[in-house]
Amino acid sequence: MALRLLRSIVVSLLVTSAVVIAVPTQTSGAALLDPQVAIPLAQRDASAGLYSRESNAERLRRGLGPKAPTRRSPNALRPRQSPSPPTPGVITATVQGALPGFVAVEHPTVPHYNLTSAFDRATRFVADTSSSPFEIIATSGGIDAFPTTGFIKGFASSSADLTTGSSNYAWFGGVTPTPPGSRPVAQPSSWSVVYGTNEPVESFVWTIGAGNLLTPQWINTDGSLAPLTLVFTSRYNSVLITGDFDKFVAEYGADAGEARHVTFTWTPL
């Protein structure tokens, strides 16, 4: 009887230990950046309507209906007071330790931009780089439902504030435009279409410097600006910003895959 009780206790302890190991903790580096992380890219539902790259013929082969007609919305390109016409271009991305690539849409089921090595697959944008900060707006090969680009608060972030000492992050995706100087506003974005929630976003998030280097900007809820790092996450082939790279890696490194510094350069066409 005593031996049976001892065995029961040992088995119970082993099961409990297995459960504890399987659950990510705040310091394990295994917290999730994206709630669909367990679903391989190839198996995700591509019918959300974010992109138009998939043809109607391809949709019909997958048993889906044709794409909805393009509709004009508040997210479409709109006239603005501007001292100079917007310049067309692409965004060249240089990941630490890798050859340069370009911002593009490579995975139609991921609600943020990806990187590609193929110039012909790069998203085409326009930007008025004479203002500061400015928006970058996709004209072709982008996130069609939200051509205005910007940053979207990460769903696992504790708040919309990006600061030193915090692992909070924001994805680079398609957003509803926000006014210049705006603090984060919870409104529709490419994230909303896939997950059904409106996370805080900002669209006037870029400044340009020597060599056309693009520097991201994010205004916190208290109006402050923090130094930001652009980060490439290999698991998602996507880019985000964070106020503390080391804290981000400690919290999300296992899910992000190989997290590396990345720089964006505006390349006029």
Foldseek 3Di string as FASTA:
>chain_A
DVVVVVVVVVVVVVVVVVVVVVDDDQQQLADAQDPCLVPDLVRADLPLQQDCPQAQVNQVVVVHHGHDDDDDDLQDDDDDDAPDFWFKFWKWKDWVPDDIWTWADDRSLDQAIFTDRDPVRTFMWTWRQVDPQTWIFTDPRARRVARIKWWFWGPPFPFLDFAAPGLTKTFIHGDNEDDPLDAWDFDDGSCCSNPVGGTTIYGSFWHADPQQWIAGWHQHPVRDTAHKFWKQQVSVNGIMIHRYPVSNSSRNVVSSPDITTMTIGTGGD
